[in-house]
Amino acid sequence: MTTHASHAATPYVNQAGARVPTTTVILIDDHDLVRQGIASLISLDRSLQVVAQAASLAEGMALARVAVADVLVVDVSLGDGSGLDLVAEFRRRHPSMGIVVLTMHQDDDTLLGALDAGASALIHKSRSAEDVIAVVHQAAAAPDRFSAVGLADAIRRRSSVATVRLTARENEVLRELAGGASVAQVAKALYMSESTVKTHIAKLYDKLGANNRASAVMAAIRLGLIDAPR
């Protein structure tokens, strides 16, 4: 269900007697209980007011055309599509709006996808109420400045894709290792001596910044050098 309200919100008077402007928020999440919980969490700060809600990508797209607010808070995973599509649409229509992406995921693709789509911040759903409220205020104040935990590392890993270059033999060894083959099995499959395989593995570890098979495979998956096992 979607609700609409105008951008204008009545300022409230704080304990010092000062009138404080209200920051208006649009909230989009496809789980009703979760969305209601987030709305309640946001309302803990009396300077924040949820003025519109949506429960799907389609409803969110409709809101993007008619609703105006200071901040959009949107989940990544919606039942009928990706919340990142909403981020891009809201950013296109409302360049000065703060956009906060909520997610249960902690992967580089989600984080960097939010950055590329034009979000102001990404925050994990497990974070505290105080953290979420702080991020909403930050997005309202600096909509064009992206922040997220782990951003620097994610950007570094993305940049590494262009710098990691494996030889044809190293690629073959990597794929055998990812399939669970032992050194002896790799040597037999690729018609190499075990000492030569170990040399290739050492070079792989060095290039991937790994110190064991598992970390090498995970690094290769993150860098897009191999596909994740199914």
C-alpha atoms as a PDB file:
ATOM      1  CA  MET A   1       0.000   0.000   0.000  1.00  0.00           C
ATOM      2  CA  THR A   2       1.284   3.460  -0.886  1.00  0.00           C
ATOM      3  CA  THR A   3       0.590   6.668   0.957  1.00  0.00           C
ATOM      4  CA  HIS A   4       1.217  10.164  -0.322  1.00  0.00           C
ATOM      5  CA  ALA A   5       1.846  13.446   1.447  1.00  0.00           C
ATOM      6  CA  SER A   6       3.177  16.826   0.502  1.00  0.00           C
ATOM      7  CA  HIS A   7       6.805  17.857   0.912  1.00  0.00           C
ATOM      8  CA  ALA A   8       5.875  20.507   3.444  1.00  0.00           C
ATOM      9  CA  ALA A   9       6.108  19.399   7.040  1.00  0.00           C
ATOM     10  CA  THR A  10       5.403  21.330  10.192  1.00  0.00           C
ATOM     11  CA  PRO A  11       8.539  22.228  12.181  1.00  0.00           C
ATOM     12  CA  TYR A  12       8.556  21.010  15.751  1.00  0.00           C
ATOM     13  CA  VAL A  13       9.656  22.836  18.855  1.00  0.00           C
ATOM     14  CA  ASN A  14      12.541  21.207  20.706  1.00  0.00           C
ATOM     15  CA  GLN A  15      13.184  21.226  24.442  1.00  0.00           C
ATOM     16  CA  ALA A  16      15.028  24.517  24.161  1.00  0.00           C
ATOM     17  CA  GLY A  17      11.962  26.103  22.597  1.00  0.00           C
ATOM     18  CA  ALA A  18      13.529  26.427  19.150  1.00  0.00           C
ATOM     19  CA  ARG A  19      11.608  25.613  15.993  1.00  0.00           C
ATOM     20  CA  VAL A  20      13.446  22.808  14.186  1.00  0.00           C
ATOM     21  CA  PRO A  21      12.801  22.108  10.470  1.00  0.00           C
ATOM     22  CA  THR A  22      11.423  18.654   9.768  1.00  0.00           C
ATOM     23  CA  THR A  23      13.235  16.390   7.291  1.00  0.00           C
ATOM     24  CA  THR A  24      10.694  14.510   5.169  1.00  0.00           C
ATOM     25  CA  VAL A  25      11.310  10.877   4.223  1.00  0.00           C
ATOM     26  CA  ILE A  26       9.964   8.467   1.596  1.00  0.00           C
ATOM     27  CA  LEU A  27      10.277   4.823   2.679  1.00  0.00           C
ATOM     28  CA  ILE A  28      10.204   1.850   0.297  1.00  0.00           C
ATOM     29  CA  ASP A  29      10.422  -1.771   1.472  1.00  0.00           C
ATOM     30  CA  ASP A  30       8.411  -4.759   0.278  1.00  0.00           C
ATOM     31  CA  HIS A  31       7.994  -6.348   3.722  1.00  0.00           C
ATOM     32  CA  ASP A  32       5.181  -4.628   5.609  1.00  0.00           C
ATOM     33  CA  LEU A  33       6.442  -5.425   9.101  1.00  0.00           C
ATOM     34  CA  VAL A  34       9.987  -4.408   8.248  1.00  0.00           C
ATOM     35  CA  ARG A  35       8.814  -1.198   6.628  1.00  0.00           C
ATOM     36  CA  GLN A  36       6.611  -0.355   9.613  1.00  0.00           C
ATOM     37  CA  GLY A  37       9.527  -1.071  11.917  1.00  0.00           C
ATOM     38  CA  ILE A  38      11.824   1.212   9.969  1.00  0.00           C
ATOM     39  CA  ALA A  39       9.167   3.924   9.936  1.00  0.00           C
ATOM     40  CA  SER A  40       8.831   3.627  13.706  1.00  0.00           C
ATOM     41  CA  LEU A  41      12.594   3.721  14.072  1.00  0.00           C
ATOM     42  CA  ILE A  42      12.874   6.879  11.959  1.00  0.00           C
ATOM     43  CA  SER A  43      10.068   8.530  13.926  1.00  0.00           C
ATOM     44  CA  LEU A  44      12.157   8.216  17.101  1.00  0.00           C
ATOM     45  CA  ASP A  45      13.785  11.398  15.853  1.00  0.00           C
ATOM     46  CA  ARG A  46      11.091  14.069  15.936  1.00  0.00           C
ATOM     47  CA  SER A  47      12.890  16.053  13.261  1.00  0.00           C
ATOM     48  CA  LEU A  48      12.250  13.211  10.772  1.00  0.00           C
ATOM     49  CA  GLN A  49       8.829  12.500   9.270  1.00  0.00           C
ATOM     50  CA  VAL A  50       7.874   9.658   6.908  1.00  0.00           C
ATOM     51  CA  VAL A  51       5.529  11.293   4.395  1.00  0.00           C
ATOM     52  CA  ALA A  52       5.141   8.506   1.820  1.00  0.00           C
ATOM     53  CA  GLN A  53       5.616   4.752   1.625  1.00  0.00           C
ATOM     54  CA  ALA A  54       5.709   2.081  -1.063  1.00  0.00           C
ATOM     55  CA  ALA A  55       5.956  -1.699  -1.012  1.00  0.00           C
ATOM     56  CA  SER A  56       7.294  -2.505  -4.484  1.00  0.00           C
ATOM     57  CA  LEU A  57       9.418  -1.314  -7.383  1.00  0.00           C
ATOM     58  CA  ALA A  58       6.277  -0.401  -9.346  1.00  0.00           C
ATOM     59  CA  GLU A  59       4.830   1.649  -6.482  1.00  0.00           C
ATOM     60  CA  GLY A  60       8.195   3.280  -5.980  1.00  0.00           C
ATOM     61  CA  MET A  61       8.398   4.287  -9.626  1.00  0.00           C
ATOM     62  CA  ALA A  62       4.955   5.860  -9.304  1.00  0.00           C
ATOM     63  CA  LEU A  63       6.095   7.753  -6.218  1.00  0.00           C
ATOM     64  CA  ALA A  64       9.163   9.021  -8.051  1.00  0.00           C
ATOM     65  CA  ARG A  65       6.874  10.813 -10.482  1.00  0.00           C
ATOM     66  CA  VAL A  66       4.653  12.550  -7.922  1.00  0.00           C
ATOM     67  CA  ALA A  67       6.159  12.593  -4.424  1.00  0.00           C
ATOM     68  CA  VAL A  68       8.755  15.047  -3.180  1.00  0.00           C
ATOM     69  CA  ALA A  69      10.752  14.684   0.021  1.00  0.00           C
ATOM     70  CA  ASP A  70      14.152  15.422   1.473  1.00  0.00           C
ATOM     71  CA  VAL A  71      15.299  11.792   1.706  1.00  0.00           C
ATOM     72  CA  LEU A  72      14.447   8.457   0.091  1.00  0.00           C
ATOM     73  CA  VAL A  73      15.116   5.315   2.149  1.00  0.00           C
ATOM     74  CA  VAL A  74      14.883   2.197  -0.027  1.00  0.00           C
ATOM     75  CA  ASP A  75      15.594  -1.502   0.370  1.00  0.00           C
ATOM     76  CA  VAL A  76      17.782  -3.171  -2.254  1.00  0.00           C
ATOM     77  CA  SER A  77      15.671  -6.331  -2.593  1.00  0.00           C
ATOM     78  CA  LEU A  78      12.093  -5.664  -3.665  1.00  0.00           C
ATOM     79  CA  GLY A  79       9.656  -8.362  -4.693  1.00  0.00           C
ATOM     80  CA  ASP A  80       9.366  -7.118  -8.275  1.00  0.00           C
ATOM     81  CA  GLY A  81      12.868  -5.799  -8.881  1.00  0.00           C
ATOM     82  CA  SER A  82      15.918  -4.036  -7.540  1.00  0.00           C
ATOM     83  CA  GLY A  83      15.775  -1.007  -5.298  1.00  0.00           C
ATOM     84  CA  LEU A  84      18.863   0.253  -7.122  1.00  0.00           C
ATOM     85  CA  ASP A  85      16.636   0.920 -10.144  1.00  0.00           C
ATOM     86  CA  LEU A  86      14.603   3.194  -7.889  1.00  0.00           C
ATOM     87  CA  VAL A  87      17.763   4.919  -6.720  1.00  0.00           C
ATOM     88  CA  ALA A  88      18.651   5.761 -10.320  1.00  0.00           C
ATOM     89  CA  GLU A  89      15.111   6.952 -11.104  1.00  0.00           C
ATOM     90  CA  PHE A  90      14.793   9.144  -8.019  1.00  0.00           C
ATOM     91  CA  ARG A  91      18.269  10.574  -8.597  1.00  0.00           C
ATOM     92  CA  ARG A  92      17.329  11.429 -12.189  1.00  0.00           C
ATOM     93  CA  ARG A  93      14.073  13.125 -11.180  1.00  0.00           C
ATOM     94  CA  HIS A  94      15.210  14.628  -7.870  1.00  0.00           C
ATOM     95  CA  PRO A  95      18.919  15.553  -8.069  1.00  0.00           C
ATOM     96  CA  SER A  96      18.984  17.216  -4.647  1.00  0.00           C
ATOM     97  CA  MET A  97      17.260  14.396  -2.736  1.00  0.00           C
ATOM     98  CA  GLY A  98      19.219  12.381  -0.207  1.00  0.00           C
ATOM     99  CA  ILE A  99      19.007   8.657  -0.987  1.00  0.00           C
ATOM    100  CA  VAL A 100      19.755   5.963   1.601  1.00  0.00           C
ATOM    101  CA  VAL A 101      19.993   2.331   0.534  1.00  0.00           C
ATOM    102  CA  LEU A 102      19.111  -0.325   3.112  1.00  0.00           C
ATOM    103  CA  THR A 103      20.437  -3.836   2.570  1.00  0.00           C
ATOM    104  CA  MET A 104      20.920  -7.238   4.158  1.00  0.00           C
ATOM    105  CA  HIS A 105      23.826  -7.875   1.777  1.00  0.00           C
ATOM    106  CA  GLN A 106      27.475  -7.062   2.404  1.00  0.00           C
ATOM    107  CA  ASP A 107      28.980  -7.688  -1.028  1.00  0.00           C
ATOM    108  CA  ASP A 108      30.911  -5.300  -3.235  1.00  0.00           C
ATOM    109  CA  ASP A 109      28.379  -5.510  -6.074  1.00  0.00           C
ATOM    110  CA  THR A 110      25.588  -4.136  -3.888  1.00  0.00           C
ATOM    111  CA  LEU A 111      27.753  -1.417  -2.341  1.00  0.00           C
ATOM    112  CA  LEU A 112      29.286  -0.256  -5.610  1.00  0.00           C
ATOM    113  CA  GLY A 113      25.929  -0.633  -7.381  1.00  0.00           C
ATOM    114  CA  ALA A 114      24.406   1.823  -4.907  1.00  0.00           C
ATOM    115  CA  LEU A 115      27.288   4.214  -5.518  1.00  0.00           C
ATOM    116  CA  ASP A 116      26.937   3.956  -9.292  1.00  0.00           C
ATOM    117  CA  ALA A 117      23.149   4.414  -9.169  1.00  0.00           C
ATOM    118  CA  GLY A 118      23.531   7.735  -7.360  1.00  0.00           C
ATOM    119  CA  ALA A 119      22.791   6.887  -3.725  1.00  0.00           C
ATOM    120  CA  SER A 120      23.973   9.123  -0.909  1.00  0.00           C
ATOM    121  CA  ALA A 121      24.634   6.284   1.519  1.00  0.00           C
ATOM    122  CA  LEU A 122      24.311   2.552   2.042  1.00  0.00           C
ATOM    123  CA  ILE A 123      23.695   1.016   5.445  1.00  0.00           C
ATOM    124  CA  HIS A 124      23.164  -2.548   6.612  1.00  0.00           C
ATOM    125  CA  LYS A 125      19.810  -3.370   8.188  1.00  0.00           C
ATOM    126  CA  SER A 126      21.539  -4.774  11.244  1.00  0.00           C
ATOM    127  CA  ARG A 127      22.863  -1.353  12.260  1.00  0.00           C
ATOM    128  CA  SER A 128      21.413   0.473  15.261  1.00  0.00           C
ATOM    129  CA  ALA A 129      18.538   2.955  15.196  1.00  0.00           C
ATOM    130  CA  GLU A 130      20.981   5.734  15.986  1.00  0.00           C
ATOM    131  CA  ASP A 131      23.143   4.784  12.992  1.00  0.00           C
ATOM    132  CA  VAL A 132      20.194   4.714  10.592  1.00  0.00           C
ATOM    133  CA  ILE A 133      18.906   8.081  11.820  1.00  0.00           C
ATOM    134  CA  ALA A 134      22.390   9.585  11.524  1.00  0.00           C
ATOM    135  CA  VAL A 135      22.712   8.331   7.943  1.00  0.00           C
ATOM    136  CA  VAL A 136      19.307   9.805   7.018  1.00  0.00           C
ATOM    137  CA  HIS A 137      20.400  13.203   8.347  1.00  0.00           C
ATOM    138  CA  GLN A 138      23.735  12.893   6.578  1.00  0.00           C
ATOM    139  CA  ALA A 139      22.012  12.087   3.271  1.00  0.00           C
ATOM    140  CA  ALA A 140      19.705  15.084   3.654  1.00  0.00           C
ATOM    141  CA  ALA A 141      22.662  17.388   4.321  1.00  0.00           C
ATOM    142  CA  ALA A 142      24.984  15.986   1.627  1.00  0.00           C
ATOM    143  CA  PRO A 143      22.945  14.123  -1.019  1.00  0.00           C
ATOM    144  CA  ASP A 144      25.816  14.045  -3.510  1.00  0.00           C
ATOM    145  CA  ARG A 145      28.376  12.557  -1.111  1.00  0.00           C
ATOM    146  CA  PHE A 146      28.313   8.755  -0.886  1.00  0.00           C
ATOM    147  CA  SER A 147      29.180   6.973   2.355  1.00  0.00           C
ATOM    148  CA  ALA A 148      29.198   3.315   3.335  1.00  0.00           C
ATOM    149  CA  VAL A 149      31.144   1.027   5.629  1.00  0.00           C
ATOM    150  CA  GLY A 150      33.838  -0.723   3.611  1.00  0.00           C
ATOM    151  CA  LEU A 151      33.694   1.687   0.670  1.00  0.00           C
ATOM    152  CA  ALA A 152      37.460   2.189   0.405  1.00  0.00           C
ATOM    153  CA  ASP A 153      38.126  -1.570   0.380  1.00  0.00           C
ATOM    154  CA  ALA A 154      35.401  -2.187  -2.223  1.00  0.00           C
ATOM    155  CA  ILE A 155      36.819   0.487  -4.512  1.00  0.00           C
ATOM    156  CA  ARG A 156      40.295  -0.959  -4.061  1.00  0.00           C
ATOM    157  CA  ARG A 157      39.042  -4.416  -5.011  1.00  0.00           C
ATOM    158  CA  ARG A 158      37.219  -3.011  -8.025  1.00  0.00           C
ATOM    159  CA  SER A 159      40.411  -1.258  -9.134  1.00  0.00           C
ATOM    160  CA  SER A 160      42.333  -4.495  -8.673  1.00  0.00           C
ATOM    161  CA  VAL A 161      40.295  -6.130 -11.431  1.00  0.00           C
ATOM    162  CA  ALA A 162      42.181  -4.034 -13.936  1.00  0.00           C
ATOM    163  CA  THR A 163      45.579  -4.806 -12.438  1.00  0.00           C
ATOM    164  CA  VAL A 164      45.412  -8.554 -11.769  1.00  0.00           C
ATOM    165  CA  ARG A 165      46.674 -10.356 -14.830  1.00  0.00           C
ATOM    166  CA  LEU A 166      47.027 -14.134 -14.793  1.00  0.00           C
ATOM    167  CA  THR A 167      48.892 -16.178 -17.337  1.00  0.00           C
ATOM    168  CA  ALA A 168      47.052 -18.897 -19.214  1.00  0.00           C
ATOM    169  CA  ARG A 169      48.689 -21.533 -17.005  1.00  0.00           C
ATOM    170  CA  GLU A 170      47.821 -19.640 -13.816  1.00  0.00           C
ATOM    171  CA  ASN A 171      44.218 -19.460 -14.975  1.00  0.00           C
ATOM    172  CA  GLU A 172      44.177 -23.205 -15.528  1.00  0.00           C
ATOM    173  CA  VAL A 173      45.673 -23.884 -12.109  1.00  0.00           C
ATOM    174  CA  LEU A 174      43.216 -21.476 -10.475  1.00  0.00           C
ATOM    175  CA  ARG A 175      40.234 -23.239 -12.006  1.00  0.00           C
ATOM    176  CA  GLU A 176      41.505 -26.621 -10.895  1.00  0.00           C
ATOM    177  CA  LEU A 177      42.015 -25.309  -7.352  1.00  0.00           C
ATOM    178  CA  ALA A 178      38.533 -23.782  -7.355  1.00  0.00           C
ATOM    179  CA  GLY A 179      37.168 -27.179  -8.300  1.00  0.00           C
ATOM    180  CA  GLY A 180      38.787 -28.718  -5.235  1.00  0.00           C
ATOM    181  CA  ALA A 181      41.718 -30.476  -6.909  1.00  0.00           C
ATOM    182  CA  SER A 182      44.815 -31.287  -4.881  1.00  0.00           C
ATOM    183  CA  VAL A 183      48.306 -30.340  -6.030  1.00  0.00           C
ATOM    184  CA  ALA A 184      48.817 -33.872  -7.308  1.00  0.00           C
ATOM    185  CA  GLN A 185      45.497 -33.814  -9.160  1.00  0.00           C
ATOM    186  CA  VAL A 186      46.297 -30.435 -10.732  1.00  0.00           C
ATOM    187  CA  ALA A 187      49.681 -31.758 -11.856  1.00  0.00           C
ATOM    188  CA  LYS A 188      48.068 -34.816 -13.427  1.00  0.00           C
ATOM    189  CA  ALA A 189      45.272 -32.850 -15.117  1.00  0.00           C
ATOM    190  CA  LEU A 190      47.604 -30.229 -16.573  1.00  0.00           C
ATOM    191  CA  TYR A 191      50.560 -32.509 -17.309  1.00  0.00           C
ATOM    192  CA  MET A 192      52.937 -30.634 -15.003  1.00  0.00           C
ATOM    193  CA  SER A 193      55.207 -31.627 -12.169  1.00  0.00           C
ATOM    194  CA  GLU A 194      53.963 -30.984  -8.648  1.00  0.00           C
ATOM    195  CA  SER A 195      56.823 -28.541  -8.049  1.00  0.00           C
ATOM    196  CA  THR A 196      55.733 -26.524 -11.109  1.00  0.00           C
ATOM    197  CA  VAL A 197      52.140 -26.499  -9.836  1.00  0.00           C
ATOM    198  CA  LYS A 198      53.348 -25.244  -6.459  1.00  0.00           C
ATOM    199  CA  THR A 199      55.267 -22.450  -8.205  1.00  0.00           C
ATOM    200  CA  HIS A 200      52.129 -21.391 -10.083  1.00  0.00           C
ATOM    201  CA  ILE A 201      50.103 -21.524  -6.856  1.00  0.00           C
ATOM    202  CA  ALA A 202      52.623 -19.316  -5.071  1.00  0.00           C
ATOM    203  CA  LYS A 203      52.406 -16.770  -7.887  1.00  0.00           C
ATOM    204  CA  LEU A 204      48.598 -16.928  -7.758  1.00  0.00           C
ATOM    205  CA  TYR A 205      48.580 -16.273  -4.025  1.00  0.00           C
ATOM    206  CA  ASP A 206      50.894 -13.318  -4.495  1.00  0.00           C
ATOM    207  CA  LYS A 207      48.817 -11.758  -7.275  1.00  0.00           C
ATOM    208  CA  LEU A 208      45.531 -12.300  -5.441  1.00  0.00           C
ATOM    209  CA  GLY A 209      46.802 -11.193  -2.047  1.00  0.00           C
ATOM    210  CA  ALA A 210      45.907 -14.605  -0.591  1.00  0.00           C
ATOM    211  CA  ASN A 211      47.632 -16.948   1.816  1.00  0.00           C
ATOM    212  CA  ASN A 212      45.640 -20.130   1.244  1.00  0.00           C
ATOM    213  CA  ARG A 213      43.440 -21.866  -1.304  1.00  0.00           C
ATOM    214  CA  ALA A 214      40.127 -20.630   0.118  1.00  0.00           C
ATOM    215  CA  SER A 215      41.146 -16.974   0.229  1.00  0.00           C
ATOM    216  CA  ALA A 216      42.627 -17.213  -3.278  1.00  0.00           C
ATOM    217  CA  VAL A 217      39.392 -18.627  -4.682  1.00  0.00           C
ATOM    218  CA  MET A 218      37.267 -16.014  -2.894  1.00  0.00           C
ATOM    219  CA  ALA A 219      39.524 -13.215  -4.138  1.00  0.00           C
ATOM    220  CA  ALA A 220      39.304 -14.561  -7.693  1.00  0.00           C
ATOM    221  CA  ILE A 221      35.498 -14.661  -7.450  1.00  0.00           C
ATOM    222  CA  ARG A 222      35.355 -11.081  -6.140  1.00  0.00           C
ATOM    223  CA  LEU A 223      37.601  -9.925  -8.963  1.00  0.00           C
ATOM    224  CA  GLY A 224      35.489 -11.696 -11.562  1.00  0.00           C
ATOM    225  CA  LEU A 225      38.303 -14.011 -12.625  1.00  0.00           C
ATOM    226  CA  ILE A 226      36.170 -17.096 -12.002  1.00  0.00           C
ATOM    227  CA  ASP A 227      32.486 -17.716 -11.327  1.00  0.00           C
ATOM    228  CA  ALA A 228      31.204 -18.594  -7.883  1.00  0.00           C
ATOM    229  CA  PRO A 229      30.482 -22.343  -7.495  1.00  0.00           C
ATOM    230  CA  ARG A 230      26.827 -23.337  -7.851  1.00  0.00           C
END
